[in-house]
Amino acid sequence: PRQRISVEDLTPTLDDLLSDSGMKNGVINVISRHTTTAITINERESRLAQDMEQYFLGLAPPDERSSAESAKAGVRYFHNDIDQRPDSPEEAQRCRDNGW
């Protein structure tokens, strides 16, 4: 799995969606549909994105089984052991579909 940090600017996508919708007034809600995704509002500045990446990789480095360059020996996360998950075959398939 990739296990990487990505800082994305959603502004162009949101602008396009708004333009296509024809909406003139209102509110846009942006939500994360995954537990390991965060949404924050910051200036689009490359050094800030680098700082955020380094901070989060230091806080929770990639599993040693990851293909990420920053994977650390000795780091293993139990939730990455799909074959050990007893919950359901559907959960295991979702994980495989997401790159595991």
PDB file of N, CA and C in Angstrom:
ATOM      1  N   PRO A   1       0.821  -1.204   0.000  1.00  0.00           N
ATOM      2  CA  PRO A   1       0.000   0.000   0.000  1.00  0.00           C
ATOM      3  C   PRO A   1       0.858   1.259   0.000  1.00  0.00           C
ATOM      4  N   ARG A   2       0.274   2.325  -0.444  1.00  0.00           N
ATOM      5  CA  ARG A   2       1.016   3.577  -0.597  1.00  0.00           C
ATOM      6  C   ARG A   2       1.294   4.274   0.725  1.00  0.00           C
ATOM      7  N   GLN A   3       0.294   4.396   1.551  1.00  0.00           N
ATOM      8  CA  GLN A   3       0.433   5.081   2.840  1.00  0.00           C
ATOM      9  C   GLN A   3       1.219   6.375   2.710  1.00  0.00           C
ATOM     10  N   ARG A   4       0.645   7.316   2.025  1.00  0.00           N
ATOM     11  CA  ARG A   4       1.335   8.587   1.845  1.00  0.00           C
ATOM     12  C   ARG A   4       0.469   9.736   2.335  1.00  0.00           C
ATOM     13  N   ILE A   5       1.109  10.865   2.510  1.00  0.00           N
ATOM     14  CA  ILE A   5       0.428  12.091   2.904  1.00  0.00           C
ATOM     15  C   ILE A   5       0.252  12.929   1.633  1.00  0.00           C
ATOM     16  N   SER A   6      -0.931  13.460   1.448  1.00  0.00           N
ATOM     17  CA  SER A   6      -1.194  14.276   0.275  1.00  0.00           C
ATOM     18  C   SER A   6      -1.934  15.530   0.722  1.00  0.00           C
ATOM     19  N   VAL A   7      -1.435  16.669   0.315  1.00  0.00           N
ATOM     20  CA  VAL A   7      -2.097  17.940   0.596  1.00  0.00           C
ATOM     21  C   VAL A   7      -2.653  18.429  -0.735  1.00  0.00           C
ATOM     22  N   GLU A   8      -3.960  18.530  -0.814  1.00  0.00           N
ATOM     23  CA  GLU A   8      -4.631  18.870  -2.066  1.00  0.00           C
ATOM     24  C   GLU A   8      -5.386  20.185  -1.934  1.00  0.00           C
ATOM     25  N   ASP A   9      -5.381  20.948  -3.012  1.00  0.00           N
ATOM     26  CA  ASP A   9      -6.169  22.176  -3.079  1.00  0.00           C
ATOM     27  C   ASP A   9      -7.501  21.834  -3.742  1.00  0.00           C
ATOM     28  N   LEU A  10      -8.581  21.897  -2.987  1.00  0.00           N
ATOM     29  CA  LEU A  10      -9.903  21.561  -3.503  1.00  0.00           C
ATOM     30  C   LEU A  10     -10.598  22.734  -4.194  1.00  0.00           C
ATOM     31  N   THR A  11      -9.992  23.903  -4.141  1.00  0.00           N
ATOM     32  CA  THR A  11     -10.636  25.105  -4.668  1.00  0.00           C
ATOM     33  C   THR A  11     -11.040  24.980  -6.135  1.00  0.00           C
ATOM     34  N   PRO A  12     -10.164  24.543  -7.044  1.00  0.00           N
ATOM     35  CA  PRO A  12     -10.597  24.439  -8.452  1.00  0.00           C
ATOM     36  C   PRO A  12     -11.776  23.484  -8.645  1.00  0.00           C
ATOM     37  N   THR A  13     -11.775  22.362  -7.952  1.00  0.00           N
ATOM     38  CA  THR A  13     -12.873  21.396  -8.058  1.00  0.00           C
ATOM     39  C   THR A  13     -14.170  22.006  -7.543  1.00  0.00           C
ATOM     40  N   LEU A  14     -14.089  22.676  -6.401  1.00  0.00           N
ATOM     41  CA  LEU A  14     -15.283  23.303  -5.830  1.00  0.00           C
ATOM     42  C   LEU A  14     -15.791  24.433  -6.728  1.00  0.00           C
ATOM     43  N   ASP A  15     -14.872  25.204  -7.292  1.00  0.00           N
ATOM     44  CA  ASP A  15     -15.278  26.269  -8.219  1.00  0.00           C
ATOM     45  C   ASP A  15     -16.021  25.694  -9.421  1.00  0.00           C
ATOM     46  N   ASP A  16     -15.503  24.604  -9.969  1.00  0.00           N
ATOM     47  CA  ASP A  16     -16.152  23.963 -11.121  1.00  0.00           C
ATOM     48  C   ASP A  16     -17.538  23.441 -10.751  1.00  0.00           C
ATOM     49  N   LEU A  17     -17.634  22.790  -9.604  1.00  0.00           N
ATOM     50  CA  LEU A  17     -18.930  22.265  -9.159  1.00  0.00           C
ATOM     51  C   LEU A  17     -19.943  23.382  -8.974  1.00  0.00           C
ATOM     52  N   LEU A  18     -19.498  24.478  -8.371  1.00  0.00           N
ATOM     53  CA  LEU A  18     -20.390  25.628  -8.175  1.00  0.00           C
ATOM     54  C   LEU A  18     -20.829  26.222  -9.501  1.00  0.00           C
ATOM     55  N   SER A  19     -19.888  26.378 -10.394  1.00  0.00           N
ATOM     56  CA  SER A  19     -20.205  26.947 -11.703  1.00  0.00           C
ATOM     57  C   SER A  19     -21.206  26.070 -12.449  1.00  0.00           C
ATOM     58  N   ASP A  20     -20.967  24.758 -12.431  1.00  0.00           N
ATOM     59  CA  ASP A  20     -21.867  23.821 -13.123  1.00  0.00           C
ATOM     60  C   ASP A  20     -23.250  23.766 -12.486  1.00  0.00           C
ATOM     61  N   SER A  21     -23.317  24.027 -11.190  1.00  0.00           N
ATOM     62  CA  SER A  21     -24.602  23.915 -10.491  1.00  0.00           C
ATOM     63  C   SER A  21     -25.520  25.094 -10.774  1.00  0.00           C
ATOM     64  N   GLY A  22     -24.932  26.227 -11.112  1.00  0.00           N
ATOM     65  CA  GLY A  22     -25.733  27.426 -11.317  1.00  0.00           C
ATOM     66  C   GLY A  22     -26.125  28.107 -10.012  1.00  0.00           C
ATOM     67  N   MET A  23     -25.679  27.579  -8.901  1.00  0.00           N
ATOM     68  CA  MET A  23     -26.021  28.144  -7.597  1.00  0.00           C
ATOM     69  C   MET A  23     -25.376  29.528  -7.443  1.00  0.00           C
ATOM     70  N   LYS A  24     -26.152  30.469  -6.949  1.00  0.00           N
ATOM     71  CA  LYS A  24     -25.652  31.841  -6.758  1.00  0.00           C
ATOM     72  C   LYS A  24     -25.443  32.177  -5.289  1.00  0.00           C
ATOM     73  N   ASN A  25     -26.233  31.579  -4.419  1.00  0.00           N
ATOM     74  CA  ASN A  25     -26.124  31.828  -2.993  1.00  0.00           C
ATOM     75  C   ASN A  25     -26.237  30.496  -2.262  1.00  0.00           C
ATOM     76  N   GLY A  26     -25.582  30.400  -1.114  1.00  0.00           N
ATOM     77  CA  GLY A  26     -25.716  29.186  -0.325  1.00  0.00           C
ATOM     78  C   GLY A  26     -24.419  28.807   0.356  1.00  0.00           C
ATOM     79  N   VAL A  27     -24.384  27.573   0.780  1.00  0.00           N
ATOM     80  CA  VAL A  27     -23.248  27.052   1.538  1.00  0.00           C
ATOM     81  C   VAL A  27     -22.818  25.729   0.921  1.00  0.00           C
ATOM     82  N   ILE A  28     -21.530  25.487   0.898  1.00  0.00           N
ATOM     83  CA  ILE A  28     -21.000  24.194   0.465  1.00  0.00           C
ATOM     84  C   ILE A  28     -20.456  23.483   1.693  1.00  0.00           C
ATOM     85  N   ASN A  29     -20.869  22.253   1.876  1.00  0.00           N
ATOM     86  CA  ASN A  29     -20.291  21.409   2.923  1.00  0.00           C
ATOM     87  C   ASN A  29     -19.317  20.441   2.275  1.00  0.00           C
ATOM     88  N   VAL A  30     -18.113  20.399   2.798  1.00  0.00           N
ATOM     89  CA  VAL A  30     -17.100  19.458   2.319  1.00  0.00           C
ATOM     90  C   VAL A  30     -16.870  18.468   3.445  1.00  0.00           C
ATOM     91  N   ILE A  31     -17.065  17.184   3.155  1.00  0.00           N
ATOM     92  CA  ILE A  31     -16.905  16.169   4.186  1.00  0.00           C
ATOM     93  C   ILE A  31     -15.882  15.131   3.752  1.00  0.00           C
ATOM     94  N   SER A  32     -15.343  14.450   4.716  1.00  0.00           N
ATOM     95  CA  SER A  32     -14.445  13.328   4.472  1.00  0.00           C
ATOM     96  C   SER A  32     -15.239  12.047   4.678  1.00  0.00           C
ATOM     97  N   ARG A  33     -15.155  11.147   3.724  1.00  0.00           N
ATOM     98  CA  ARG A  33     -15.865   9.880   3.851  1.00  0.00           C
ATOM     99  C   ARG A  33     -14.911   8.766   4.267  1.00  0.00           C
ATOM    100  N   HIS A  34     -13.754   9.130   4.787  1.00  0.00           N
ATOM    101  CA  HIS A  34     -12.801   8.124   5.235  1.00  0.00           C
ATOM    102  C   HIS A  34     -12.170   8.589   6.539  1.00  0.00           C
ATOM    103  N   THR A  35     -11.900   7.647   7.414  1.00  0.00           N
ATOM    104  CA  THR A  35     -11.402   7.996   8.743  1.00  0.00           C
ATOM    105  C   THR A  35      -9.985   8.552   8.746  1.00  0.00           C
ATOM    106  N   THR A  36      -9.203   8.284   7.713  1.00  0.00           N
ATOM    107  CA  THR A  36      -7.829   8.775   7.700  1.00  0.00           C
ATOM    108  C   THR A  36      -7.654   9.973   6.772  1.00  0.00           C
ATOM    109  N   THR A  37      -8.742  10.656   6.506  1.00  0.00           N
ATOM    110  CA  THR A  37      -8.700  11.872   5.702  1.00  0.00           C
ATOM    111  C   THR A  37      -9.040  13.052   6.606  1.00  0.00           C
ATOM    112  N   ALA A  38      -8.335  14.136   6.411  1.00  0.00           N
ATOM    113  CA  ALA A  38      -8.615  15.343   7.183  1.00  0.00           C
ATOM    114  C   ALA A  38      -8.850  16.494   6.208  1.00  0.00           C
ATOM    115  N   ILE A  39      -9.739  17.367   6.575  1.00  0.00           N
ATOM    116  CA  ILE A  39      -9.996  18.566   5.783  1.00  0.00           C
ATOM    117  C   ILE A  39      -9.685  19.764   6.662  1.00  0.00           C
ATOM    118  N   THR A  40      -8.853  20.640   6.146  1.00  0.00           N
ATOM    119  CA  THR A  40      -8.495  21.833   6.897  1.00  0.00           C
ATOM    120  C   THR A  40      -8.416  23.010   5.927  1.00  0.00           C
ATOM    121  N   ILE A  41      -8.467  24.197   6.452  1.00  0.00           N
ATOM    122  CA  ILE A  41      -8.359  25.392   5.623  1.00  0.00           C
ATOM    123  C   ILE A  41      -7.018  26.047   5.926  1.00  0.00           C
ATOM    124  N   ASN A  42      -6.204  26.165   4.890  1.00  0.00           N
ATOM    125  CA  ASN A  42      -4.892  26.796   5.003  1.00  0.00           C
ATOM    126  C   ASN A  42      -4.582  27.538   3.718  1.00  0.00           C
ATOM    127  N   GLU A  43      -3.573  28.374   3.791  1.00  0.00           N
ATOM    128  CA  GLU A  43      -3.058  28.986   2.573  1.00  0.00           C
ATOM    129  C   GLU A  43      -2.422  27.893   1.722  1.00  0.00           C
ATOM    130  N   ARG A  44      -2.483  28.037   0.412  1.00  0.00           N
ATOM    131  CA  ARG A  44      -1.828  27.082  -0.486  1.00  0.00           C
ATOM    132  C   ARG A  44      -0.369  27.508  -0.597  1.00  0.00           C
ATOM    133  N   GLU A  45       0.459  26.892   0.222  1.00  0.00           N
ATOM    134  CA  GLU A  45       1.870  27.271   0.294  1.00  0.00           C
ATOM    135  C   GLU A  45       2.681  25.989   0.388  1.00  0.00           C
ATOM    136  N   SER A  46       3.633  25.798  -0.523  1.00  0.00           N
ATOM    137  CA  SER A  46       4.348  24.524  -0.642  1.00  0.00           C
ATOM    138  C   SER A  46       5.117  24.149   0.617  1.00  0.00           C
ATOM    139  N   ARG A  47       5.705  25.115   1.302  1.00  0.00           N
ATOM    140  CA  ARG A  47       6.465  24.773   2.513  1.00  0.00           C
ATOM    141  C   ARG A  47       5.538  24.310   3.643  1.00  0.00           C
ATOM    142  N   LEU A  48       4.352  24.867   3.697  1.00  0.00           N
ATOM    143  CA  LEU A  48       3.380  24.415   4.688  1.00  0.00           C
ATOM    144  C   LEU A  48       2.985  22.961   4.395  1.00  0.00           C
ATOM    145  N   ALA A  49       2.738  22.653   3.126  1.00  0.00           N
ATOM    146  CA  ALA A  49       2.396  21.278   2.747  1.00  0.00           C
ATOM    147  C   ALA A  49       3.528  20.322   3.116  1.00  0.00           C
ATOM    148  N   GLN A  50       4.762  20.723   2.900  1.00  0.00           N
ATOM    149  CA  GLN A  50       5.918  19.881   3.270  1.00  0.00           C
ATOM    150  C   GLN A  50       5.989  19.702   4.778  1.00  0.00           C
ATOM    151  N   ASP A  51       5.758  20.777   5.519  1.00  0.00           N
ATOM    152  CA  ASP A  51       5.759  20.682   6.989  1.00  0.00           C
ATOM    153  C   ASP A  51       4.677  19.717   7.474  1.00  0.00           C
ATOM    154  N   MET A  52       3.492  19.821   6.874  1.00  0.00           N
ATOM    155  CA  MET A  52       2.403  18.934   7.283  1.00  0.00           C
ATOM    156  C   MET A  52       2.746  17.473   6.978  1.00  0.00           C
ATOM    157  N   GLU A  53       3.296  17.226   5.811  1.00  0.00           N
ATOM    158  CA  GLU A  53       3.679  15.859   5.439  1.00  0.00           C
ATOM    159  C   GLU A  53       4.697  15.293   6.427  1.00  0.00           C
ATOM    160  N   GLN A  54       5.736  16.055   6.711  1.00  0.00           N
ATOM    161  CA  GLN A  54       6.762  15.574   7.638  1.00  0.00           C
ATOM    162  C   GLN A  54       6.202  15.358   9.042  1.00  0.00           C
ATOM    163  N   TYR A  55       5.333  16.245   9.485  1.00  0.00           N
ATOM    164  CA  TYR A  55       4.743  16.105  10.814  1.00  0.00           C
ATOM    165  C   TYR A  55       3.937  14.808  10.911  1.00  0.00           C
ATOM    166  N   PHE A  56       3.045  14.595   9.946  1.00  0.00           N
ATOM    167  CA  PHE A  56       2.183  13.411  10.012  1.00  0.00           C
ATOM    168  C   PHE A  56       2.961  12.122   9.797  1.00  0.00           C
ATOM    169  N   LEU A  57       3.986  12.145   8.939  1.00  0.00           N
ATOM    170  CA  LEU A  57       4.805  10.946   8.764  1.00  0.00           C
ATOM    171  C   LEU A  57       5.604  10.643  10.031  1.00  0.00           C
ATOM    172  N   GLY A  58       5.994  11.667  10.757  1.00  0.00           N
ATOM    173  CA  GLY A  58       6.679  11.447  12.029  1.00  0.00           C
ATOM    174  C   GLY A  58       5.729  10.942  13.106  1.00  0.00           C
ATOM    175  N   LEU A  59       4.509  11.438  13.084  1.00  0.00           N
ATOM    176  CA  LEU A  59       3.503  11.040  14.057  1.00  0.00           C
ATOM    177  C   LEU A  59       3.071   9.584  13.857  1.00  0.00           C
ATOM    178  N   ALA A  60       2.863   9.205  12.609  1.00  0.00           N
ATOM    179  CA  ALA A  60       2.422   7.842  12.285  1.00  0.00           C
ATOM    180  C   ALA A  60       3.135   7.397  11.012  1.00  0.00           C
ATOM    181  N   PRO A  61       4.369   6.917  11.137  1.00  0.00           N
ATOM    182  CA  PRO A  61       5.125   6.517   9.949  1.00  0.00           C
ATOM    183  C   PRO A  61       4.473   5.320   9.251  1.00  0.00           C
ATOM    184  N   PRO A  62       4.710   5.172   7.955  1.00  0.00           N
ATOM    185  CA  PRO A  62       4.134   4.040   7.234  1.00  0.00           C
ATOM    186  C   PRO A  62       4.617   2.696   7.795  1.00  0.00           C
ATOM    187  N   ASP A  63       3.742   1.742   7.748  1.00  0.00           N
ATOM    188  CA  ASP A  63       4.007   0.357   8.116  1.00  0.00           C
ATOM    189  C   ASP A  63       5.236  -0.140   7.351  1.00  0.00           C
ATOM    190  N   GLU A  64       6.043  -0.979   7.982  1.00  0.00           N
ATOM    191  CA  GLU A  64       7.241  -1.486   7.325  1.00  0.00           C
ATOM    192  C   GLU A  64       6.933  -2.273   6.052  1.00  0.00           C
ATOM    193  N   ARG A  65       5.698  -2.718   5.901  1.00  0.00           N
ATOM    194  CA  ARG A  65       5.297  -3.457   4.699  1.00  0.00           C
ATOM    195  C   ARG A  65       4.843  -2.537   3.580  1.00  0.00           C
ATOM    196  N   SER A  66       4.838  -1.243   3.849  1.00  0.00           N
ATOM    197  CA  SER A  66       4.386  -0.271   2.864  1.00  0.00           C
ATOM    198  C   SER A  66       5.411  -0.109   1.750  1.00  0.00           C
ATOM    199  N   SER A  67       4.924   0.277   0.573  1.00  0.00           N
ATOM    200  CA  SER A  67       5.825   0.576  -0.537  1.00  0.00           C
ATOM    201  C   SER A  67       6.345   2.012  -0.459  1.00  0.00           C
ATOM    202  N   ALA A  68       5.915   2.762   0.551  1.00  0.00           N
ATOM    203  CA  ALA A  68       6.353   4.153   0.702  1.00  0.00           C
ATOM    204  C   ALA A  68       7.839   4.219   1.038  1.00  0.00           C
ATOM    205  N   GLU A  69       8.495   5.221   0.481  1.00  0.00           N
ATOM    206  CA  GLU A  69       9.921   5.406   0.764  1.00  0.00           C
ATOM    207  C   GLU A  69      10.177   5.652   2.248  1.00  0.00           C
ATOM    208  N   SER A  70       9.221   6.229   2.936  1.00  0.00           N
ATOM    209  CA  SER A  70       9.406   6.572   4.346  1.00  0.00           C
ATOM    210  C   SER A  70       8.975   5.448   5.293  1.00  0.00           C
ATOM    211  N   ALA A  71       8.721   4.240   4.769  1.00  0.00           N
ATOM    212  CA  ALA A  71       8.354   3.113   5.627  1.00  0.00           C
ATOM    213  C   ALA A  71       9.475   2.854   6.630  1.00  0.00           C
ATOM    214  N   LYS A  72       9.098   2.515   7.864  1.00  0.00           N
ATOM    215  CA  LYS A  72      10.087   2.307   8.925  1.00  0.00           C
ATOM    216  C   LYS A  72      10.078   0.860   9.389  1.00  0.00           C
ATOM    217  N   ALA A  73      11.274   0.297   9.487  1.00  0.00           N
ATOM    218  CA  ALA A  73      11.404  -1.058  10.010  1.00  0.00           C
ATOM    219  C   ALA A  73      10.864  -1.102  11.437  1.00  0.00           C
ATOM    220  N   GLY A  74      10.136  -2.146  11.750  1.00  0.00           N
ATOM    221  CA  GLY A  74       9.601  -2.314  13.094  1.00  0.00           C
ATOM    222  C   GLY A  74       8.246  -1.675  13.313  1.00  0.00           C
ATOM    223  N   VAL A  75       7.756  -0.904  12.338  1.00  0.00           N
ATOM    224  CA  VAL A  75       6.435  -0.285  12.459  1.00  0.00           C
ATOM    225  C   VAL A  75       5.427  -1.189  11.773  1.00  0.00           C
ATOM    226  N   ARG A  76       4.475  -1.699  12.554  1.00  0.00           N
ATOM    227  CA  ARG A  76       3.418  -2.553  12.013  1.00  0.00           C
ATOM    228  C   ARG A  76       2.105  -2.155  12.664  1.00  0.00           C
ATOM    229  N   TYR A  77       1.094  -1.966  11.846  1.00  0.00           N
ATOM    230  CA  TYR A  77      -0.222  -1.609  12.346  1.00  0.00           C
ATOM    231  C   TYR A  77      -1.149  -2.810  12.211  1.00  0.00           C
ATOM    232  N   PHE A  78      -1.797  -3.161  13.298  1.00  0.00           N
ATOM    233  CA  PHE A  78      -2.673  -4.323  13.316  1.00  0.00           C
ATOM    234  C   PHE A  78      -3.792  -4.227  12.289  1.00  0.00           C
ATOM    235  N   HIS A  79      -4.308  -3.011  12.090  1.00  0.00           N
ATOM    236  CA  HIS A  79      -5.422  -2.884  11.147  1.00  0.00           C
ATOM    237  C   HIS A  79      -4.992  -3.160   9.705  1.00  0.00           C
ATOM    238  N   ASN A  80      -3.675  -3.237   9.440  1.00  0.00           N
ATOM    239  CA  ASN A  80      -3.201  -3.571   8.102  1.00  0.00           C
ATOM    240  C   ASN A  80      -3.185  -5.078   7.844  1.00  0.00           C
ATOM    241  N   ASP A  81      -3.397  -5.887   8.864  1.00  0.00           N
ATOM    242  CA  ASP A  81      -3.412  -7.343   8.721  1.00  0.00           C
ATOM    243  C   ASP A  81      -4.812  -7.798   8.328  1.00  0.00           C
ATOM    244  N   ILE A  82      -5.120  -7.643   7.059  1.00  0.00           N
ATOM    245  CA  ILE A  82      -6.472  -7.940   6.583  1.00  0.00           C
ATOM    246  C   ILE A  82      -6.861  -9.377   6.875  1.00  0.00           C
ATOM    247  N   ASP A  83      -5.917 -10.292   6.712  1.00  0.00           N
ATOM    248  CA  ASP A  83      -6.243 -11.704   6.926  1.00  0.00           C
ATOM    249  C   ASP A  83      -6.590 -12.005   8.381  1.00  0.00           C
ATOM    250  N   GLN A  84      -6.287 -11.076   9.285  1.00  0.00           N
ATOM    251  CA  GLN A  84      -6.602 -11.254  10.702  1.00  0.00           C
ATOM    252  C   GLN A  84      -7.933 -10.605  11.088  1.00  0.00           C
ATOM    253  N   ARG A  85      -8.514  -9.870  10.184  1.00  0.00           N
ATOM    254  CA  ARG A  85      -9.764  -9.173  10.495  1.00  0.00           C
ATOM    255  C   ARG A  85     -10.923 -10.167  10.492  1.00  0.00           C
ATOM    256  N   PRO A  86     -11.596 -10.279  11.618  1.00  0.00           N
ATOM    257  CA  PRO A  86     -12.702 -11.223  11.696  1.00  0.00           C
ATOM    258  C   PRO A  86     -14.054 -10.644  11.293  1.00  0.00           C
ATOM    259  N   ASP A  87     -14.120  -9.351  11.063  1.00  0.00           N
ATOM    260  CA  ASP A  87     -15.422  -8.716  10.898  1.00  0.00           C
ATOM    261  C   ASP A  87     -16.246  -9.277   9.746  1.00  0.00           C
ATOM    262  N   SER A  88     -15.670  -9.291   8.543  1.00  0.00           N
ATOM    263  CA  SER A  88     -16.477  -9.784   7.426  1.00  0.00           C
ATOM    264  C   SER A  88     -15.622  -9.912   6.173  1.00  0.00           C
ATOM    265  N   PRO A  89     -16.026 -10.774   5.261  1.00  0.00           N
ATOM    266  CA  PRO A  89     -15.354 -10.849   3.964  1.00  0.00           C
ATOM    267  C   PRO A  89     -15.497  -9.534   3.190  1.00  0.00           C
ATOM    268  N   GLU A  90     -16.612  -8.821   3.397  1.00  0.00           N
ATOM    269  CA  GLU A  90     -16.824  -7.551   2.712  1.00  0.00           C
ATOM    270  C   GLU A  90     -15.771  -6.515   3.122  1.00  0.00           C
ATOM    271  N   GLU A  91     -15.437  -6.502   4.425  1.00  0.00           N
ATOM    272  CA  GLU A  91     -14.414  -5.564   4.881  1.00  0.00           C
ATOM    273  C   GLU A  91     -13.070  -5.880   4.254  1.00  0.00           C
ATOM    274  N   ALA A  92     -12.716  -7.137   4.197  1.00  0.00           N
ATOM    275  CA  ALA A  92     -11.452  -7.541   3.579  1.00  0.00           C
ATOM    276  C   ALA A  92     -11.414  -7.130   2.109  1.00  0.00           C
ATOM    277  N   GLN A  93     -12.523  -7.305   1.403  1.00  0.00           N
ATOM    278  CA  GLN A  93     -12.563  -6.930  -0.007  1.00  0.00           C
ATOM    279  C   GLN A  93     -12.431  -5.425  -0.187  1.00  0.00           C
ATOM    280  N   ARG A  94     -13.085  -4.636   0.674  1.00  0.00           N
ATOM    281  CA  ARG A  94     -12.946  -3.172   0.605  1.00  0.00           C
ATOM    282  C   ARG A  94     -11.494  -2.762   0.748  1.00  0.00           C
ATOM    283  N   CYS A  95     -10.786  -3.406   1.659  1.00  0.00           N
ATOM    284  CA  CYS A  95      -9.370  -3.084   1.867  1.00  0.00           C
ATOM    285  C   CYS A  95      -8.551  -3.442   0.631  1.00  0.00           C
ATOM    286  N   ARG A  96      -8.795  -4.596   0.073  1.00  0.00           N
ATOM    287  CA  ARG A  96      -8.078  -4.983  -1.150  1.00  0.00           C
ATOM    288  C   ARG A  96      -8.368  -3.996  -2.275  1.00  0.00           C
ATOM    289  N   ASP A  97      -9.612  -3.590  -2.392  1.00  0.00           N
ATOM    290  CA  ASP A  97      -9.991  -2.623  -3.428  1.00  0.00           C
ATOM    291  C   ASP A  97      -9.270  -1.288  -3.258  1.00  0.00           C
ATOM    292  N   ASN A  98      -8.895  -0.963  -2.016  1.00  0.00           N
ATOM    293  CA  ASN A  98      -8.204   0.298  -1.717  1.00  0.00           C
ATOM    294  C   ASN A  98      -6.689   0.165  -1.768  1.00  0.00           C
ATOM    295  N   GLY A  99      -6.179  -0.940  -2.282  1.00  0.00           N
ATOM    296  CA  GLY A  99      -4.739  -1.044  -2.484  1.00  0.00           C
ATOM    297  C   GLY A  99      -4.004  -2.003  -1.586  1.00  0.00           C
ATOM    298  N   TRP A 100      -4.699  -2.751  -0.742  1.00  0.00           N
ATOM    299  CA  TRP A 100      -4.011  -3.710   0.139  1.00  0.00           C
ATOM    300  C   TRP A 100      -3.989  -5.066  -0.478  1.00  0.00           C
TER     301      TRP A 100
END
